[in-house]
Amino acid sequence: MAQRPEELVELLPAAEPFLARESAVTDPSQRRGLVLVHDLGGDFDAASAGSLAGAHLLAALPHEVVARFDVDSLVDYRARRPRMTFNSDHYEAFAAPELQLYAAEDDAGETFLLLHGTEPDYAWERFVAAVAHLVDRLGVTSVVALQAIPMPVPHTRPVTVTAHATRRQLIEPYPVYWGEMRIPGSVSALLELRLGEAGVDALGVAAHVPHYLAQATYPAASLTLIEHLERLTGLRLPGEALREAAEANRTEIDEQIARSSDNTAVVAALEQQYDSFTAAREGSDLLGSGGEVPSADEIGAEFERFLADQDRRRPGE
């Protein structure tokens, strides 16, 4: 028998203050109005930018775990095998995947929630229903996704983003670049869709990672996600450590690119395209080939290449 959604998650003692407050609410206007941020690491997290952003927040801000999900029911261990420690003649440790909900305080003392960990492989609808149940019980009124996607952009220009939301008003300052397209799904996307259907405000930003760095670590994209999270929610979040990491990473990338004339030529071409588009759109933030926005087919093809590369890098069954 399939688990009920609420059986996928265990509420911990740290959740009690949130539950008690919301249980006393008699009018929707009295809800606490918490922001829930999620950065589920998976195939739609190029350069692990979203996961790194979430890990940075947990490293920099006071926090506690309020709920944990049953990863045994959600994660395919053979598709992405957890690491184990083998010492001489015995196994010592197992690094089990985690998917946990944290309560954190920003630099101004404002509480928000962070859902951080591995994207589920199984039971997407039940997982989404479980998160929606937490949203209702804990007083969440806004849910924000942090993601990253590979794009034909150069690392020598500012990191750009695509914004999306259940209501256009939530991302009004962000331009719309393309129409309908069909792309591979993700749990984060399904969560946003289902929350919107239930009348909950859900939105997100996807950082554009240079396609040639999609399998590397790219802290500049993580920093950009943090900056847009601040802009969208009003939270005050630390970024200095990521900024320093991004500067050091930029130096390393420049040195590696400079060793190959072919790589230098590719980056130069991307710079020209980026600058052409920016000039044509008076400072908009998305690159298009030859000054044009990439087509739906081009974006879909970039996704497919990235996902195929992800599959090749996973251990065989």
Protein backbone atom coordinates (compact mmCIF):
# COMPACT_ATOMS: atom_id res chain seq x y z
CA MET A 1 0.00 0.00 0.00
CA ALA A 2 1.33 3.41 -0.97
CA GLN A 3 2.28 5.77 1.83
CA ARG A 4 0.03 8.70 2.53
CA PRO A 5 1.82 12.00 1.80
CA GLU A 6 2.11 12.93 5.46
CA GLU A 7 3.90 9.63 6.15
CA LEU A 8 6.82 10.77 4.00
CA VAL A 9 7.82 13.45 6.49
CA GLU A 10 8.62 13.49 10.20
CA LEU A 11 7.97 16.67 12.14
CA LEU A 12 10.57 17.34 14.84
CA PRO A 13 10.19 19.23 18.15
CA ALA A 14 11.49 22.43 16.56
CA ALA A 15 8.30 22.53 14.48
CA GLU A 16 6.05 22.85 17.54
CA PRO A 17 6.12 26.68 17.85
CA PHE A 18 5.09 27.01 14.20
CA LEU A 19 2.33 24.41 14.54
CA ALA A 20 0.97 25.95 17.75
CA ARG A 21 0.83 29.42 16.27
CA GLU A 22 -0.96 28.33 13.11
CA SER A 23 -3.42 26.13 14.97
CA ALA A 24 -4.69 29.27 16.71
CA VAL A 25 -5.25 31.16 13.45
CA THR A 26 -8.92 31.75 12.66
CA ASP A 27 -8.51 34.15 9.74
CA PRO A 28 -6.10 33.76 6.76
CA SER A 29 -4.84 37.31 7.32
CA GLN A 30 -3.47 36.19 10.69
CA ARG A 31 -1.10 33.64 9.17
CA ARG A 32 2.56 34.12 9.99
CA GLY A 33 3.53 34.64 6.36
CA LEU A 34 6.67 32.54 6.29
CA VAL A 35 8.83 32.23 3.19
CA LEU A 36 9.85 28.69 2.25
CA VAL A 37 12.91 28.41 0.01
CA HIS A 38 13.81 25.14 -1.72
CA ASP A 39 16.99 24.18 -3.60
CA LEU A 40 16.48 20.49 -4.36
CA GLY A 41 19.73 19.23 -5.84
CA GLY A 42 19.23 17.24 -9.02
CA ASP A 43 19.35 17.42 -12.78
CA PHE A 44 17.98 20.97 -12.81
CA ASP A 45 20.79 22.33 -10.70
CA ALA A 46 23.58 23.00 -13.17
CA ALA A 47 26.95 23.44 -11.46
CA SER A 48 25.10 22.60 -8.21
CA ALA A 49 24.40 26.32 -7.95
CA GLY A 50 21.13 26.00 -6.05
CA SER A 51 22.48 23.39 -3.66
CA LEU A 52 25.56 25.50 -3.00
CA ALA A 53 23.38 28.54 -2.30
CA GLY A 54 21.35 26.57 0.25
CA ALA A 55 24.46 25.08 1.86
CA HIS A 56 25.92 28.57 2.11
CA LEU A 57 22.83 29.84 3.93
CA LEU A 58 22.97 26.96 6.39
CA ALA A 59 26.69 27.57 7.01
CA ALA A 60 26.20 31.30 7.56
CA LEU A 61 22.89 31.55 9.44
CA PRO A 62 21.55 30.10 12.70
CA HIS A 63 19.15 27.26 11.96
CA GLU A 64 17.50 24.10 13.24
CA VAL A 65 15.81 21.13 11.59
CA VAL A 66 12.02 21.21 11.84
CA ALA A 67 11.21 18.22 9.59
CA ARG A 68 12.95 15.42 7.73
CA PHE A 69 11.76 13.40 4.76
CA ASP A 70 11.93 9.62 4.31
CA VAL A 71 14.68 9.44 1.68
CA ASP A 72 14.47 5.64 1.59
CA SER A 73 11.06 6.05 -0.03
CA LEU A 74 12.07 8.91 -2.31
CA VAL A 75 15.63 8.37 -3.59
CA ASP A 76 16.99 5.87 -6.12
CA TYR A 77 20.25 4.82 -4.47
CA ARG A 78 21.50 2.99 -7.55
CA ALA A 79 21.04 6.02 -9.82
CA ARG A 80 23.20 8.19 -7.55
CA ARG A 81 24.99 5.94 -5.16
CA PRO A 82 25.72 7.37 -1.70
CA ARG A 83 29.34 7.31 -0.58
CA MET A 84 30.62 4.80 1.98
CA THR A 85 33.90 4.79 3.85
CA PHE A 86 35.97 1.60 3.61
CA ASN A 87 39.00 1.36 5.88
CA SER A 88 41.51 -1.50 5.44
CA ASP A 89 39.16 -4.45 5.90
CA HIS A 90 35.83 -3.01 7.03
CA TYR A 91 33.16 -0.43 6.28
CA GLU A 92 33.12 2.50 8.68
CA ALA A 93 30.46 4.96 7.54
CA PHE A 94 27.55 5.54 5.19
CA ALA A 95 26.81 9.06 3.93
CA ALA A 96 23.05 8.74 3.56
CA PRO A 97 21.29 11.32 1.39
CA GLU A 98 19.23 13.86 3.30
CA LEU A 99 16.16 15.93 2.56
CA GLN A 100 15.34 18.21 5.47
CA LEU A 101 13.33 21.32 6.26
CA TYR A 102 15.20 23.93 8.28
CA ALA A 103 14.05 27.03 10.11
CA ALA A 104 16.70 29.73 9.70
CA GLU A 105 17.10 33.37 10.73
CA ASP A 106 18.33 35.95 8.23
CA ASP A 107 20.72 38.77 9.13
CA ALA A 108 17.81 40.87 10.41
CA GLY A 109 16.46 38.11 12.65
CA GLU A 110 13.59 37.21 10.29
CA THR A 111 12.67 33.52 10.27
CA PHE A 112 12.30 31.61 7.01
CA LEU A 113 12.22 27.95 6.03
CA LEU A 114 14.70 26.16 3.78
CA LEU A 115 14.01 22.79 2.16
CA HIS A 116 17.47 21.49 1.35
CA GLY A 117 18.71 18.19 0.02
CA THR A 118 18.35 15.64 -2.76
CA GLU A 119 15.58 15.90 -5.34
CA PRO A 120 13.26 12.86 -4.99
CA ASP A 121 13.40 10.24 -7.72
CA TYR A 122 10.12 8.59 -6.70
CA ALA A 123 6.64 9.53 -5.48
CA TRP A 124 6.69 13.07 -6.84
CA GLU A 125 3.00 13.70 -6.33
CA ARG A 126 3.04 12.35 -2.77
CA PHE A 127 6.14 14.36 -1.97
CA VAL A 128 4.59 17.55 -3.36
CA ALA A 129 1.42 16.87 -1.37
CA ALA A 130 3.54 16.41 1.77
CA VAL A 131 5.28 19.74 1.21
CA ALA A 132 1.93 21.43 0.55
CA HIS A 133 0.70 19.98 3.86
CA LEU A 134 3.68 21.53 5.63
CA VAL A 135 3.06 24.84 3.87
CA ASP A 136 -0.44 24.88 5.30
CA ARG A 137 0.48 23.74 8.82
CA LEU A 138 3.57 25.92 9.34
CA GLY A 139 2.18 29.25 8.15
CA VAL A 140 3.97 29.49 4.81
CA THR A 141 2.49 31.97 2.33
CA SER A 142 5.30 32.19 -0.23
CA VAL A 143 7.45 29.42 -1.74
CA VAL A 144 10.60 30.21 -3.71
CA ALA A 145 12.68 27.83 -5.85
CA LEU A 146 16.41 28.21 -6.49
CA GLN A 147 17.58 26.40 -9.63
CA ALA A 148 20.25 26.61 -12.32
CA ILE A 149 20.19 25.68 -15.99
CA PRO A 150 22.91 25.45 -18.66
CA MET A 151 22.78 28.26 -21.21
CA PRO A 152 25.00 29.63 -24.02
CA VAL A 153 26.37 32.46 -21.88
CA PRO A 154 29.98 33.49 -21.14
CA HIS A 155 31.44 33.37 -17.65
CA THR A 156 32.95 36.81 -18.24
CA ARG A 157 29.58 38.56 -18.02
CA PRO A 158 27.11 38.92 -15.12
CA VAL A 159 25.08 35.82 -14.33
CA THR A 160 21.55 36.15 -15.68
CA VAL A 161 18.33 34.45 -14.60
CA THR A 162 14.92 33.31 -15.73
CA ALA A 163 12.10 34.05 -13.28
CA HIS A 164 8.82 32.12 -13.10
CA ALA A 165 5.78 32.25 -10.82
CA THR A 166 2.21 31.15 -10.30
CA ARG A 167 1.14 34.80 -10.73
CA ARG A 168 2.81 37.32 -13.02
CA GLN A 169 2.56 39.99 -10.29
CA LEU A 170 5.08 38.09 -8.17
CA ILE A 171 7.85 38.62 -10.76
CA GLU A 172 6.63 41.78 -12.46
CA PRO A 173 10.10 43.41 -12.82
CA TYR A 174 11.44 40.38 -14.70
CA PRO A 175 11.08 40.28 -18.49
CA VAL A 176 9.43 37.44 -20.40
CA TYR A 177 11.68 36.05 -23.13
CA TRP A 178 9.86 33.16 -24.77
CA GLY A 179 6.52 31.50 -25.19
CA GLU A 180 5.46 27.91 -24.75
CA MET A 181 8.09 25.16 -24.66
CA ARG A 182 8.21 21.56 -23.52
CA ILE A 183 11.11 20.68 -21.20
CA PRO A 184 11.91 17.74 -18.88
CA GLY A 185 10.11 18.00 -15.56
CA SER A 186 11.48 18.42 -12.05
CA VAL A 187 10.02 18.09 -8.58
CA SER A 188 10.55 21.82 -8.04
CA ALA A 189 8.51 22.63 -11.14
CA LEU A 190 5.73 20.24 -10.13
CA LEU A 191 5.66 21.74 -6.64
CA GLU A 192 5.23 25.23 -8.08
CA LEU A 193 2.48 24.04 -10.42
CA ARG A 194 0.51 22.24 -7.71
CA LEU A 195 0.88 25.06 -5.19
CA GLY A 196 -0.41 27.49 -7.79
CA GLU A 197 -3.41 25.27 -8.42
CA ALA A 198 -4.08 25.37 -4.66
CA GLY A 199 -3.87 29.17 -4.57
CA VAL A 200 -0.47 29.40 -2.86
CA ASP A 201 2.06 31.93 -4.17
CA ALA A 202 5.05 30.07 -5.59
CA LEU A 203 7.88 31.46 -7.67
CA GLY A 204 11.51 30.91 -8.48
CA VAL A 205 14.64 31.94 -10.30
CA ALA A 206 16.89 29.78 -12.44
CA ALA A 207 20.45 31.00 -12.85
CA HIS A 208 21.95 30.69 -16.33
CA VAL A 209 25.19 28.73 -16.00
CA PRO A 210 27.66 28.77 -18.92
CA HIS A 211 27.07 25.45 -20.65
CA TYR A 212 30.79 24.66 -20.55
CA LEU A 213 30.74 24.94 -16.73
CA ALA A 214 27.50 23.05 -16.08
CA GLN A 215 29.33 20.06 -14.56
CA ALA A 216 31.75 22.18 -12.53
CA THR A 217 31.27 24.32 -9.43
CA TYR A 218 30.22 27.88 -10.25
CA PRO A 219 29.71 29.98 -7.10
CA ALA A 220 28.94 33.11 -9.16
CA ALA A 221 25.58 31.52 -10.04
CA SER A 222 24.92 30.67 -6.38
CA LEU A 223 25.64 34.26 -5.38
CA THR A 224 23.24 35.51 -8.03
CA LEU A 225 20.51 33.21 -6.70
CA ILE A 226 21.01 34.59 -3.19
CA GLU A 227 20.81 38.16 -4.50
CA HIS A 228 17.57 37.48 -6.37
CA LEU A 229 16.14 35.67 -3.35
CA GLU A 230 16.72 38.84 -1.35
CA ARG A 231 15.07 40.93 -4.05
CA LEU A 232 12.00 38.70 -4.26
CA THR A 233 11.43 38.16 -0.53
CA GLY A 234 12.96 41.07 1.35
CA LEU A 235 15.13 38.70 3.37
CA ARG A 236 18.58 39.96 4.34
CA LEU A 237 21.05 37.26 3.43
CA PRO A 238 24.87 37.01 3.67
CA GLY A 239 26.85 36.73 0.46
CA GLU A 240 30.44 37.69 1.17
CA ALA A 241 31.81 34.14 1.37
CA LEU A 242 30.18 33.28 -1.96
CA ARG A 243 31.49 36.50 -3.48
CA GLU A 244 35.04 35.62 -2.48
CA ALA A 245 34.61 32.08 -3.79
CA ALA A 246 33.24 33.43 -7.08
CA GLU A 247 36.23 35.74 -7.52
CA ALA A 248 38.70 32.92 -6.90
CA ASN A 249 36.74 30.62 -9.21
CA ARG A 250 36.74 33.26 -11.96
CA THR A 251 40.53 33.45 -11.81
CA GLU A 252 40.81 29.67 -12.14
CA ILE A 253 38.41 29.57 -15.09
CA ASP A 254 40.24 32.39 -16.87
CA GLU A 255 43.53 30.54 -16.48
CA GLN A 256 42.07 27.30 -17.84
CA ILE A 257 40.37 29.02 -20.79
CA ALA A 258 43.58 30.88 -21.68
CA ARG A 259 45.43 27.59 -22.20
CA SER A 260 43.42 26.81 -25.33
CA SER A 261 42.95 29.10 -28.31
CA ASP A 262 39.80 27.17 -29.22
CA ASN A 263 38.27 27.80 -25.81
CA THR A 264 39.25 31.46 -25.97
CA ALA A 265 37.52 31.78 -29.33
CA VAL A 266 34.33 30.18 -28.01
CA VAL A 267 34.17 32.54 -25.05
CA ALA A 268 34.85 35.54 -27.29
CA ALA A 269 31.97 34.53 -29.56
CA LEU A 270 29.64 34.18 -26.59
CA GLU A 271 30.71 37.58 -25.31
CA GLN A 272 29.91 39.15 -28.67
CA GLN A 273 26.46 37.54 -28.73
CA TYR A 274 25.76 38.53 -25.14
CA ASP A 275 26.79 42.14 -25.70
CA SER A 276 24.77 42.32 -28.91
CA PHE A 277 21.64 41.14 -27.17
CA THR A 278 22.18 43.41 -24.17
CA ALA A 279 22.60 46.44 -26.40
CA ALA A 280 19.52 45.53 -28.41
CA ARG A 281 17.37 45.06 -25.31
CA GLU A 282 18.78 48.03 -23.35
CA GLY A 283 20.26 46.02 -20.53
CA SER A 284 17.97 42.98 -20.41
CA ASP A 285 19.46 39.95 -18.90
CA LEU A 286 19.43 37.03 -21.24
CA LEU A 287 21.72 36.05 -24.05
CA GLY A 288 20.44 35.14 -27.48
CA SER A 289 22.37 33.92 -30.50
CA GLY A 290 23.17 36.79 -32.83
CA GLY A 291 21.21 39.22 -30.68
CA GLU A 292 18.06 37.07 -30.62
CA VAL A 293 16.50 35.17 -27.73
CA PRO A 294 17.15 31.41 -28.01
CA SER A 295 14.20 29.52 -29.44
CA ALA A 296 12.21 26.98 -27.45
CA ASP A 297 13.91 24.23 -29.47
CA GLU A 298 17.36 25.60 -28.63
CA ILE A 299 16.60 25.84 -24.91
CA GLY A 300 15.08 22.35 -24.91
CA ALA A 301 18.11 20.96 -26.73
CA GLU A 302 20.45 22.50 -24.14
CA PHE A 303 18.44 20.86 -21.35
CA GLU A 304 18.55 17.50 -23.10
CA ARG A 305 22.33 17.69 -23.61
CA PHE A 306 22.85 18.55 -19.95
CA LEU A 307 20.58 15.76 -18.72
CA ALA A 308 22.18 13.23 -21.05
CA ASP A 309 25.60 14.19 -19.69
CA GLN A 310 24.27 13.81 -16.15
CA ASP A 311 23.11 10.28 -16.98
CA ARG A 312 26.50 9.36 -18.48
CA ARG A 313 28.26 10.47 -15.31
CA ARG A 314 26.13 8.26 -13.04
CA PRO A 315 27.34 4.78 -12.15
CA GLY A 316 25.75 2.00 -14.15
CA GLU A 317 23.21 -0.23 -12.51
